[in-house]
C-alpha cells in the first residue's frame, strides 16, 4: 500500500510538472505579420502554478491517512478542513482550520473554471459541511482530494457522483491573483 501511494504521488507530481513546463501557445492571424507561436506566461502566474503544485503535493502525501473529526495533522488524522489547512500551511499559506472560514476567502469561480489547488465547498441549504481541494478539472472530469469520514484522505473523481453533485455549493480560488490569503513566506 505504501509503495502504491509513492507511485501515485510520483505519477501525479510528474504529470503536474509536465503540464506546467510547456508554454501556452497561441496563433495570431494577420496578413502582414508572422504568426506568433509562443505566449509568455507572466512570472506571477508561474508562481501561482508552483504554489498550486506545492499544495497538491502536500495533500497527496497523505492519501490513505485516517479521518479524525477536528484533526489537523498527519499524527492525529485529518477532517476535511484540517487537510486543507495543513496542505496550504505547508505550502506557506496560513488558513483557518474551519471550512466556513475557508469559504470566506478567495475569489469565486464557476465549476468549469476550477483549477488544481482551488477549493470546492459542499453542503445543503447553503450551509457548508465539506471542503476539498481540486486536483484536476479537464474534459468534464473533476477530481478532488479530501478527507471523508468513511475512507479518510482520498482522491475522488466526482463528475458523475449524484452524492457530491447534489451537495456542490461553490468553488473558490485562494491562490491566484487578487485573493486575500496570507502568505507566510
N, C-alpha and C. Protein backbone atom coordinates (compact mmCIF):
# COMPACT_ATOMS: atom_id res chain seq x y z
N UNK A 1 0.83 -1.20 0.00
CA UNK A 1 0.00 0.00 0.00
C UNK A 1 0.87 1.25 0.00
N UNK A 2 1.95 1.22 0.81
CA UNK A 2 2.85 2.36 0.87
C UNK A 2 3.53 2.59 -0.47
N UNK A 3 3.93 1.49 -1.13
CA UNK A 3 4.59 1.58 -2.44
C UNK A 3 3.62 2.15 -3.48
N UNK A 4 2.36 1.74 -3.40
CA UNK A 4 1.34 2.25 -4.32
C UNK A 4 1.14 3.75 -4.12
N UNK A 5 1.13 4.17 -2.86
CA UNK A 5 0.97 5.60 -2.57
C UNK A 5 2.16 6.39 -3.13
N UNK A 6 3.37 5.84 -2.99
CA UNK A 6 4.55 6.52 -3.52
C UNK A 6 4.50 6.62 -5.03
N UNK A 7 4.09 5.54 -5.69
CA UNK A 7 3.99 5.56 -7.16
C UNK A 7 2.93 6.55 -7.61
N UNK A 8 1.79 6.59 -6.92
CA UNK A 8 0.73 7.53 -7.26
C UNK A 8 1.22 8.96 -7.09
N UNK A 9 1.91 9.24 -5.99
CA UNK A 9 2.44 10.57 -5.74
C UNK A 9 3.44 10.96 -6.82
N UNK A 10 4.33 10.05 -7.18
CA UNK A 10 5.32 10.32 -8.22
C UNK A 10 4.63 10.58 -9.56
N UNK A 11 3.66 9.76 -9.91
CA UNK A 11 2.92 9.94 -11.17
C UNK A 11 2.24 11.30 -11.20
N UNK A 12 1.54 11.66 -10.12
CA UNK A 12 0.85 12.94 -10.09
C UNK A 12 1.83 14.10 -10.16
N UNK A 13 2.93 14.00 -9.44
CA UNK A 13 3.95 15.05 -9.46
C UNK A 13 4.50 15.23 -10.86
N UNK A 14 4.83 14.13 -11.54
CA UNK A 14 5.36 14.21 -12.90
C UNK A 14 4.32 14.79 -13.86
N UNK A 15 3.07 14.42 -13.68
CA UNK A 15 2.00 14.96 -14.52
C UNK A 15 1.87 16.46 -14.32
N UNK A 16 1.91 16.91 -13.08
CA UNK A 16 1.79 18.33 -12.78
C UNK A 16 2.97 19.09 -13.35
N UNK A 17 4.17 18.58 -13.13
CA UNK A 17 5.37 19.25 -13.64
C UNK A 17 5.35 19.31 -15.16
N UNK A 18 4.98 18.22 -15.80
CA UNK A 18 4.94 18.20 -17.26
C UNK A 18 3.91 19.18 -17.80
N UNK A 19 2.78 19.29 -17.12
CA UNK A 19 1.75 20.21 -17.62
C UNK A 19 2.14 21.66 -17.41
N UNK A 20 3.01 21.92 -16.47
CA UNK A 20 3.44 23.30 -16.21
C UNK A 20 4.65 23.70 -17.03
N UNK A 21 5.36 22.74 -17.59
CA UNK A 21 6.63 23.06 -18.24
C UNK A 21 6.48 23.53 -19.67
N UNK A 22 5.38 23.20 -20.32
CA UNK A 22 5.23 23.64 -21.71
C UNK A 22 4.48 24.95 -21.76
N UNK A 23 4.99 25.91 -22.53
CA UNK A 23 4.32 27.20 -22.59
C UNK A 23 3.01 27.10 -23.36
N UNK A 24 2.08 27.99 -23.02
CA UNK A 24 0.83 28.05 -23.75
C UNK A 24 1.13 28.58 -25.14
N UNK A 25 0.42 28.07 -26.11
CA UNK A 25 0.65 28.51 -27.49
C UNK A 25 -0.60 29.22 -27.99
N UNK A 26 -0.35 30.21 -28.81
CA UNK A 26 -1.46 30.89 -29.45
C UNK A 26 -1.03 31.27 -30.86
N UNK A 27 -1.97 31.25 -31.74
CA UNK A 27 -1.70 31.61 -33.13
C UNK A 27 -2.47 32.89 -33.42
N UNK A 28 -1.78 33.88 -33.94
CA UNK A 28 -2.45 35.11 -34.36
C UNK A 28 -2.41 35.17 -35.87
N UNK A 29 -3.54 35.45 -36.46
CA UNK A 29 -3.64 35.51 -37.91
C UNK A 29 -3.66 36.96 -38.35
N UNK A 30 -2.61 37.37 -38.99
CA UNK A 30 -2.54 38.72 -39.55
C UNK A 30 -1.93 38.60 -40.93
N UNK A 31 -2.41 39.38 -41.83
CA UNK A 31 -1.96 39.24 -43.21
C UNK A 31 -0.52 39.67 -43.43
N UNK A 32 -0.02 40.67 -42.69
CA UNK A 32 1.31 41.20 -42.94
C UNK A 32 2.35 40.73 -41.94
N UNK A 33 1.94 40.02 -40.89
CA UNK A 33 2.87 39.65 -39.83
C UNK A 33 2.97 38.15 -39.70
N UNK A 34 4.12 37.70 -39.16
CA UNK A 34 4.31 36.28 -38.90
C UNK A 34 3.39 35.84 -37.77
N UNK A 35 3.02 34.58 -37.80
CA UNK A 35 2.20 34.03 -36.73
C UNK A 35 3.06 33.85 -35.49
N UNK A 36 2.53 34.23 -34.36
CA UNK A 36 3.22 34.06 -33.09
C UNK A 36 2.86 32.68 -32.54
N UNK A 37 3.87 31.89 -32.22
CA UNK A 37 3.61 30.55 -31.71
C UNK A 37 3.85 30.43 -30.22
N UNK A 38 4.33 31.49 -29.59
CA UNK A 38 4.58 31.43 -28.16
C UNK A 38 3.94 32.62 -27.46
N UNK A 39 3.42 32.33 -26.31
CA UNK A 39 2.84 33.38 -25.48
C UNK A 39 3.56 33.31 -24.14
N UNK A 40 4.09 34.41 -23.71
CA UNK A 40 4.81 34.42 -22.43
C UNK A 40 3.84 34.31 -21.27
N UNK A 41 4.25 33.52 -20.29
CA UNK A 41 3.46 33.38 -19.07
C UNK A 41 4.05 34.34 -18.05
N UNK A 42 3.24 35.25 -17.52
CA UNK A 42 3.77 36.19 -16.52
C UNK A 42 4.35 35.47 -15.31
N UNK A 43 5.40 36.07 -14.72
CA UNK A 43 6.06 35.45 -13.55
C UNK A 43 5.07 35.19 -12.42
N UNK A 44 4.10 36.09 -12.23
CA UNK A 44 3.11 35.91 -11.17
C UNK A 44 2.31 34.63 -11.41
N UNK A 45 1.95 34.37 -12.67
CA UNK A 45 1.20 33.15 -12.99
C UNK A 45 2.05 31.90 -12.75
N UNK A 46 3.33 31.96 -13.06
CA UNK A 46 4.23 30.84 -12.81
C UNK A 46 4.33 30.57 -11.31
N UNK A 47 4.43 31.65 -10.52
CA UNK A 47 4.48 31.49 -9.07
C UNK A 47 3.19 30.86 -8.56
N UNK A 48 2.04 31.27 -9.11
CA UNK A 48 0.77 30.68 -8.71
C UNK A 48 0.72 29.19 -9.05
N UNK A 49 1.20 28.82 -10.23
CA UNK A 49 1.22 27.41 -10.63
C UNK A 49 2.09 26.58 -9.70
N UNK A 50 3.24 27.12 -9.34
CA UNK A 50 4.13 26.40 -8.42
C UNK A 50 3.48 26.22 -7.06
N UNK A 51 2.80 27.27 -6.59
CA UNK A 51 2.14 27.19 -5.30
C UNK A 51 1.00 26.17 -5.33
N UNK A 52 0.24 26.14 -6.41
CA UNK A 52 -0.83 25.15 -6.57
C UNK A 52 -0.24 23.74 -6.52
N UNK A 53 0.86 23.53 -7.24
CA UNK A 53 1.53 22.23 -7.23
C UNK A 53 1.97 21.85 -5.83
N UNK A 54 2.53 22.81 -5.11
CA UNK A 54 3.03 22.53 -3.77
C UNK A 54 1.90 22.13 -2.82
N UNK A 55 0.77 22.83 -2.90
CA UNK A 55 -0.39 22.48 -2.08
C UNK A 55 -0.82 21.04 -2.37
N UNK A 56 -0.93 20.70 -3.64
CA UNK A 56 -1.36 19.35 -4.02
C UNK A 56 -0.36 18.28 -3.58
N UNK A 57 0.91 18.57 -3.71
CA UNK A 57 1.93 17.60 -3.28
C UNK A 57 1.78 17.32 -1.79
N UNK A 58 1.59 18.37 -0.99
CA UNK A 58 1.44 18.17 0.46
C UNK A 58 0.16 17.39 0.77
N UNK A 59 -0.91 17.64 0.04
CA UNK A 59 -2.16 16.92 0.29
C UNK A 59 -2.05 15.45 -0.12
N UNK A 60 -1.50 15.21 -1.31
CA UNK A 60 -1.43 13.85 -1.85
C UNK A 60 -0.54 12.94 -1.02
N UNK A 61 0.43 13.51 -0.34
CA UNK A 61 1.29 12.70 0.53
C UNK A 61 0.50 12.01 1.63
N UNK A 62 -0.72 12.48 1.88
CA UNK A 62 -1.49 11.94 2.99
C UNK A 62 -2.67 11.07 2.55
N UNK A 63 -2.69 10.69 1.26
CA UNK A 63 -3.72 9.76 0.80
C UNK A 63 -3.60 8.48 1.63
N UNK A 64 -4.72 8.02 2.14
CA UNK A 64 -4.74 6.83 2.99
C UNK A 64 -4.72 7.15 4.48
N UNK A 65 -4.44 8.39 4.83
CA UNK A 65 -4.42 8.80 6.24
C UNK A 65 -5.84 8.71 6.79
N UNK A 66 -5.98 8.36 8.06
CA UNK A 66 -7.28 8.21 8.70
C UNK A 66 -8.00 9.54 8.86
N UNK A 67 -9.34 9.45 8.89
CA UNK A 67 -10.18 10.60 9.20
C UNK A 67 -10.22 10.77 10.72
N UNK A 68 -10.18 12.01 11.16
CA UNK A 68 -10.34 12.33 12.58
C UNK A 68 -11.10 13.64 12.67
N UNK A 69 -12.27 13.61 13.30
CA UNK A 69 -13.05 14.84 13.45
C UNK A 69 -12.21 15.89 14.17
N UNK A 70 -12.08 17.06 13.58
CA UNK A 70 -11.26 18.13 14.16
C UNK A 70 -9.77 17.93 13.95
N UNK A 71 -9.38 16.85 13.25
CA UNK A 71 -7.97 16.54 13.05
C UNK A 71 -7.30 17.49 12.07
N UNK A 72 -6.10 17.92 12.43
CA UNK A 72 -5.38 18.89 11.62
C UNK A 72 -3.93 18.51 11.36
N UNK A 73 -3.58 17.25 11.62
CA UNK A 73 -2.18 16.84 11.44
C UNK A 73 -2.10 15.38 11.01
N UNK A 74 -0.97 15.01 10.39
CA UNK A 74 -0.79 13.60 10.00
C UNK A 74 -0.81 12.66 11.20
N UNK A 75 -0.33 13.13 12.31
CA UNK A 75 -0.26 12.28 13.50
C UNK A 75 -1.67 11.90 14.00
N UNK A 76 -2.56 12.90 14.08
CA UNK A 76 -3.90 12.63 14.60
C UNK A 76 -4.86 12.15 13.52
N UNK A 77 -4.58 12.51 12.27
CA UNK A 77 -5.52 12.29 11.18
C UNK A 77 -6.15 13.63 10.81
N UNK A 78 -6.93 13.63 9.75
CA UNK A 78 -7.49 14.88 9.25
C UNK A 78 -9.00 14.80 9.10
N UNK A 79 -9.67 15.92 9.38
CA UNK A 79 -11.01 16.09 8.84
C UNK A 79 -10.83 16.89 7.55
N UNK A 80 -11.91 17.19 6.86
CA UNK A 80 -11.78 17.81 5.53
C UNK A 80 -11.08 19.17 5.59
N UNK A 81 -11.50 20.03 6.51
CA UNK A 81 -10.89 21.37 6.58
C UNK A 81 -9.48 21.31 7.17
N UNK A 82 -9.22 20.32 8.01
CA UNK A 82 -7.88 20.14 8.56
C UNK A 82 -6.87 19.78 7.49
N UNK A 83 -7.27 18.92 6.54
CA UNK A 83 -6.39 18.57 5.42
C UNK A 83 -6.09 19.81 4.58
N UNK A 84 -7.11 20.62 4.31
CA UNK A 84 -6.93 21.85 3.53
C UNK A 84 -5.99 22.80 4.27
N UNK A 85 -6.26 23.04 5.53
CA UNK A 85 -5.45 23.95 6.33
C UNK A 85 -4.00 23.49 6.40
N UNK A 86 -3.79 22.20 6.64
CA UNK A 86 -2.45 21.64 6.74
C UNK A 86 -1.70 21.76 5.42
N UNK A 87 -2.34 21.37 4.31
CA UNK A 87 -1.69 21.38 3.00
C UNK A 87 -1.32 22.79 2.56
N UNK A 88 -2.22 23.73 2.76
CA UNK A 88 -1.93 25.12 2.41
C UNK A 88 -0.86 25.69 3.34
N UNK A 89 -0.92 25.32 4.62
CA UNK A 89 0.09 25.79 5.58
C UNK A 89 1.48 25.31 5.22
N UNK A 90 1.61 24.05 4.81
CA UNK A 90 2.91 23.51 4.40
C UNK A 90 3.43 24.22 3.15
N UNK A 91 2.52 24.75 2.34
CA UNK A 91 2.92 25.49 1.13
C UNK A 91 3.16 26.97 1.43
N UNK A 92 3.01 27.36 2.70
CA UNK A 92 3.30 28.74 3.09
C UNK A 92 2.11 29.66 3.16
N UNK A 93 0.90 29.10 3.13
CA UNK A 93 -0.31 29.92 3.20
C UNK A 93 -1.06 29.61 4.48
N UNK A 94 -1.22 30.60 5.32
CA UNK A 94 -1.95 30.41 6.56
C UNK A 94 -3.45 30.47 6.28
N UNK A 95 -4.16 29.46 6.76
CA UNK A 95 -5.59 29.39 6.52
C UNK A 95 -6.27 28.76 7.72
N UNK A 96 -7.41 29.30 8.10
CA UNK A 96 -8.17 28.77 9.22
C UNK A 96 -8.49 27.30 9.01
N UNK A 97 -8.67 26.58 10.10
CA UNK A 97 -9.00 25.17 10.01
C UNK A 97 -10.47 24.87 9.80
N UNK A 98 -11.36 25.86 9.90
CA UNK A 98 -12.79 25.62 9.76
C UNK A 98 -13.25 25.91 8.33
N UNK A 99 -14.02 24.98 7.74
CA UNK A 99 -14.43 25.13 6.34
C UNK A 99 -15.25 26.40 6.10
N UNK A 100 -16.09 26.80 7.05
CA UNK A 100 -16.88 28.01 6.82
C UNK A 100 -15.99 29.26 6.82
N UNK A 101 -14.87 29.23 7.53
CA UNK A 101 -13.91 30.35 7.46
C UNK A 101 -13.12 30.28 6.16
N UNK A 102 -12.76 29.09 5.73
CA UNK A 102 -12.03 28.93 4.47
C UNK A 102 -12.87 29.45 3.30
N UNK A 103 -14.18 29.32 3.40
CA UNK A 103 -15.08 29.76 2.33
C UNK A 103 -15.17 31.28 2.24
N UNK A 104 -14.73 31.99 3.25
CA UNK A 104 -14.82 33.45 3.26
C UNK A 104 -13.69 34.12 2.50
N UNK A 105 -12.67 33.38 2.14
CA UNK A 105 -11.53 33.98 1.45
C UNK A 105 -11.50 33.57 -0.01
N UNK A 106 -10.74 34.29 -0.79
CA UNK A 106 -10.55 33.92 -2.19
C UNK A 106 -11.57 34.53 -3.12
N UNK A 107 -11.46 34.10 -4.34
CA UNK A 107 -12.26 34.63 -5.44
C UNK A 107 -13.19 33.53 -5.97
N UNK A 108 -14.46 33.86 -6.14
CA UNK A 108 -15.45 32.91 -6.64
C UNK A 108 -15.06 32.43 -8.03
N UNK A 109 -15.29 31.16 -8.29
CA UNK A 109 -15.04 30.60 -9.62
C UNK A 109 -16.19 29.67 -10.00
N UNK A 110 -16.51 29.68 -11.27
CA UNK A 110 -17.51 28.73 -11.75
C UNK A 110 -16.90 27.33 -11.73
N UNK A 111 -17.75 26.35 -11.66
CA UNK A 111 -17.28 24.96 -11.59
C UNK A 111 -16.40 24.60 -12.79
N UNK A 112 -16.77 25.08 -13.96
CA UNK A 112 -16.00 24.75 -15.16
C UNK A 112 -14.63 25.42 -15.19
N UNK A 113 -14.44 26.49 -14.42
CA UNK A 113 -13.17 27.22 -14.40
C UNK A 113 -12.25 26.81 -13.26
N UNK A 114 -12.67 25.87 -12.42
CA UNK A 114 -11.84 25.46 -11.29
C UNK A 114 -10.53 24.85 -11.78
N UNK A 115 -9.45 25.17 -11.06
CA UNK A 115 -8.11 24.70 -11.40
C UNK A 115 -7.53 23.91 -10.23
N UNK A 116 -6.48 23.13 -10.50
CA UNK A 116 -5.81 22.43 -9.40
C UNK A 116 -5.40 23.42 -8.30
N UNK A 117 -5.69 23.06 -7.06
CA UNK A 117 -5.37 23.91 -5.93
C UNK A 117 -6.52 24.79 -5.49
N UNK A 118 -7.57 24.92 -6.31
CA UNK A 118 -8.75 25.68 -5.89
C UNK A 118 -9.51 24.86 -4.85
N UNK A 119 -10.37 25.52 -4.11
CA UNK A 119 -11.19 24.84 -3.12
C UNK A 119 -12.60 24.68 -3.65
N UNK A 120 -13.24 23.59 -3.26
CA UNK A 120 -14.62 23.33 -3.65
C UNK A 120 -15.39 23.01 -2.37
N UNK A 121 -16.56 23.63 -2.23
CA UNK A 121 -17.35 23.52 -1.00
C UNK A 121 -18.66 22.79 -1.27
N UNK A 122 -19.05 21.97 -0.29
CA UNK A 122 -20.26 21.16 -0.40
C UNK A 122 -21.12 21.39 0.83
N UNK A 123 -22.40 21.13 0.70
CA UNK A 123 -23.32 21.23 1.83
C UNK A 123 -24.75 21.11 1.36
N UNK A 124 -25.65 21.50 2.25
CA UNK A 124 -27.09 21.51 1.94
C UNK A 124 -27.67 22.82 2.43
N UNK A 125 -28.66 23.30 1.70
CA UNK A 125 -29.34 24.55 2.07
C UNK A 125 -28.36 25.69 2.32
N UNK A 126 -27.35 25.78 1.48
CA UNK A 126 -26.32 26.83 1.54
C UNK A 126 -25.45 26.77 2.79
N UNK A 127 -25.57 25.70 3.58
CA UNK A 127 -24.74 25.54 4.77
C UNK A 127 -23.58 24.61 4.44
N UNK A 128 -22.36 25.11 4.60
CA UNK A 128 -21.16 24.36 4.25
C UNK A 128 -20.94 23.22 5.24
N UNK A 129 -20.73 22.02 4.69
CA UNK A 129 -20.44 20.86 5.54
C UNK A 129 -19.17 20.12 5.12
N UNK A 130 -18.58 20.52 3.98
CA UNK A 130 -17.40 19.79 3.49
C UNK A 130 -16.60 20.68 2.54
N UNK A 131 -15.28 20.50 2.56
CA UNK A 131 -14.39 21.22 1.65
C UNK A 131 -13.39 20.23 1.07
N UNK A 132 -12.97 20.49 -0.17
CA UNK A 132 -11.99 19.63 -0.84
C UNK A 132 -11.08 20.51 -1.69
N UNK A 133 -9.96 19.94 -2.09
CA UNK A 133 -9.01 20.63 -2.97
C UNK A 133 -9.13 20.02 -4.37
N UNK A 134 -9.24 20.87 -5.38
CA UNK A 134 -9.33 20.39 -6.76
C UNK A 134 -7.97 19.84 -7.18
N UNK A 135 -7.95 18.62 -7.71
CA UNK A 135 -6.73 18.00 -8.24
C UNK A 135 -6.65 18.26 -9.74
N UNK A 136 -7.76 18.07 -10.43
CA UNK A 136 -7.81 18.35 -11.87
C UNK A 136 -9.25 18.60 -12.29
N UNK A 137 -9.39 19.32 -13.39
CA UNK A 137 -10.71 19.64 -13.93
C UNK A 137 -10.58 19.75 -15.44
N UNK A 138 -10.55 18.61 -16.11
CA UNK A 138 -10.34 18.59 -17.55
C UNK A 138 -11.29 17.61 -18.22
N UNK A 139 -11.72 17.98 -19.42
CA UNK A 139 -12.55 17.09 -20.25
C UNK A 139 -13.77 16.58 -19.50
N UNK A 140 -14.39 17.44 -18.70
CA UNK A 140 -15.59 17.06 -17.98
C UNK A 140 -15.36 16.19 -16.77
N UNK A 141 -14.11 15.99 -16.39
CA UNK A 141 -13.77 15.17 -15.21
C UNK A 141 -13.23 16.08 -14.11
N UNK A 142 -13.87 16.05 -12.96
CA UNK A 142 -13.45 16.86 -11.82
C UNK A 142 -12.94 15.93 -10.73
N UNK A 143 -11.63 16.02 -10.44
CA UNK A 143 -11.03 15.21 -9.38
C UNK A 143 -10.69 16.09 -8.20
N UNK A 144 -10.96 15.57 -7.01
CA UNK A 144 -10.68 16.30 -5.78
C UNK A 144 -9.92 15.39 -4.82
N UNK A 145 -9.22 16.03 -3.89
CA UNK A 145 -8.64 15.30 -2.76
C UNK A 145 -9.30 15.86 -1.52
N UNK A 146 -9.73 14.96 -0.64
CA UNK A 146 -10.44 15.38 0.57
C UNK A 146 -10.35 14.27 1.61
N UNK A 147 -10.77 14.62 2.82
CA UNK A 147 -10.80 13.63 3.89
C UNK A 147 -12.26 13.33 4.19
N UNK A 148 -12.64 12.07 4.02
CA UNK A 148 -14.02 11.66 4.26
C UNK A 148 -14.09 10.85 5.55
N UNK A 149 -15.21 10.93 6.22
CA UNK A 149 -15.35 10.22 7.50
C UNK A 149 -15.29 8.70 7.30
N UNK A 150 -15.68 8.21 6.14
CA UNK A 150 -15.69 6.76 5.92
C UNK A 150 -14.40 6.19 5.34
N UNK A 151 -13.65 7.00 4.57
CA UNK A 151 -12.47 6.46 3.88
C UNK A 151 -11.18 7.22 4.16
N UNK A 152 -11.23 8.26 4.97
CA UNK A 152 -10.03 9.05 5.23
C UNK A 152 -9.67 9.91 4.03
N UNK A 153 -8.38 10.18 3.86
CA UNK A 153 -7.92 11.05 2.77
C UNK A 153 -7.89 10.24 1.47
N UNK A 154 -8.65 10.71 0.48
CA UNK A 154 -8.78 10.02 -0.80
C UNK A 154 -8.83 11.03 -1.95
N UNK A 155 -8.52 10.54 -3.14
CA UNK A 155 -8.74 11.30 -4.37
C UNK A 155 -9.96 10.69 -5.03
N UNK A 156 -10.95 11.53 -5.35
CA UNK A 156 -12.17 11.06 -5.99
C UNK A 156 -12.45 11.83 -7.26
N UNK A 157 -12.96 11.14 -8.26
CA UNK A 157 -13.48 11.78 -9.47
C UNK A 157 -14.98 11.91 -9.24
N UNK A 158 -15.47 13.15 -9.18
CA UNK A 158 -16.84 13.36 -8.71
C UNK A 158 -17.81 13.84 -9.80
N UNK A 159 -17.38 13.91 -11.03
CA UNK A 159 -18.22 14.46 -12.09
C UNK A 159 -19.57 13.76 -12.23
N UNK A 160 -19.57 12.45 -12.06
CA UNK A 160 -20.80 11.68 -12.24
C UNK A 160 -21.44 11.26 -10.91
N UNK A 161 -20.92 11.79 -9.81
CA UNK A 161 -21.41 11.40 -8.50
C UNK A 161 -22.69 12.17 -8.14
N UNK A 162 -23.79 11.43 -8.00
CA UNK A 162 -25.03 12.10 -7.58
C UNK A 162 -24.87 12.68 -6.18
N UNK A 163 -24.17 11.96 -5.33
CA UNK A 163 -23.99 12.43 -3.95
C UNK A 163 -23.31 13.79 -3.92
N UNK A 164 -22.12 13.90 -4.54
CA UNK A 164 -21.37 15.15 -4.48
C UNK A 164 -22.00 16.24 -5.34
N UNK A 165 -22.54 15.90 -6.49
CA UNK A 165 -23.17 16.91 -7.34
C UNK A 165 -24.39 17.54 -6.67
N UNK A 166 -25.14 16.75 -5.91
CA UNK A 166 -26.31 17.30 -5.22
C UNK A 166 -25.92 18.20 -4.05
N UNK A 167 -24.69 18.10 -3.59
CA UNK A 167 -24.23 18.89 -2.45
C UNK A 167 -23.27 20.02 -2.84
N UNK A 168 -22.92 20.11 -4.11
CA UNK A 168 -21.99 21.15 -4.58
C UNK A 168 -22.58 22.53 -4.29
N UNK A 169 -21.78 23.40 -3.65
CA UNK A 169 -22.22 24.77 -3.37
C UNK A 169 -21.49 25.78 -4.26
N UNK A 170 -20.14 25.79 -4.19
CA UNK A 170 -19.36 26.75 -4.97
C UNK A 170 -17.89 26.40 -4.91
N UNK A 171 -17.12 27.07 -5.76
CA UNK A 171 -15.67 26.92 -5.77
C UNK A 171 -15.00 28.25 -5.54
N UNK A 172 -13.78 28.21 -4.99
CA UNK A 172 -13.02 29.43 -4.71
C UNK A 172 -11.56 29.24 -5.10
N UNK A 173 -10.98 30.30 -5.64
CA UNK A 173 -9.54 30.36 -5.91
C UNK A 173 -8.92 31.14 -4.76
N UNK A 174 -8.13 30.49 -3.94
CA UNK A 174 -7.49 31.16 -2.82
C UNK A 174 -6.00 31.37 -3.07
N UNK A 175 -5.54 31.04 -4.27
CA UNK A 175 -4.13 31.17 -4.61
C UNK A 175 -3.87 32.26 -5.63
N UNK A 176 -4.70 32.32 -6.67
CA UNK A 176 -4.46 33.23 -7.79
C UNK A 176 -4.43 34.70 -7.41
N UNK A 177 -4.15 35.51 -8.40
CA UNK A 177 -4.09 36.96 -8.21
C UNK A 177 -5.37 37.47 -7.55
N UNK A 178 -5.24 38.52 -6.77
CA UNK A 178 -6.37 39.20 -6.14
C UNK A 178 -7.10 38.37 -5.10
N UNK A 179 -6.41 37.45 -4.45
CA UNK A 179 -7.02 36.73 -3.34
C UNK A 179 -6.43 37.26 -2.05
N UNK A 180 -7.09 36.98 -0.95
CA UNK A 180 -6.66 37.55 0.32
C UNK A 180 -6.20 36.51 1.33
N UNK A 181 -5.47 35.52 0.85
CA UNK A 181 -4.86 34.54 1.75
C UNK A 181 -3.52 35.10 2.20
N UNK A 182 -3.22 34.98 3.45
CA UNK A 182 -1.95 35.48 3.99
C UNK A 182 -0.83 34.52 3.62
N UNK A 183 0.18 35.04 2.95
CA UNK A 183 1.34 34.24 2.59
C UNK A 183 2.40 34.41 3.67
N UNK A 184 2.84 33.31 4.25
CA UNK A 184 3.80 33.41 5.34
C UNK A 184 5.24 33.30 4.87
N UNK A 185 5.47 33.19 3.58
CA UNK A 185 6.84 33.10 3.07
C UNK A 185 7.32 34.44 2.59
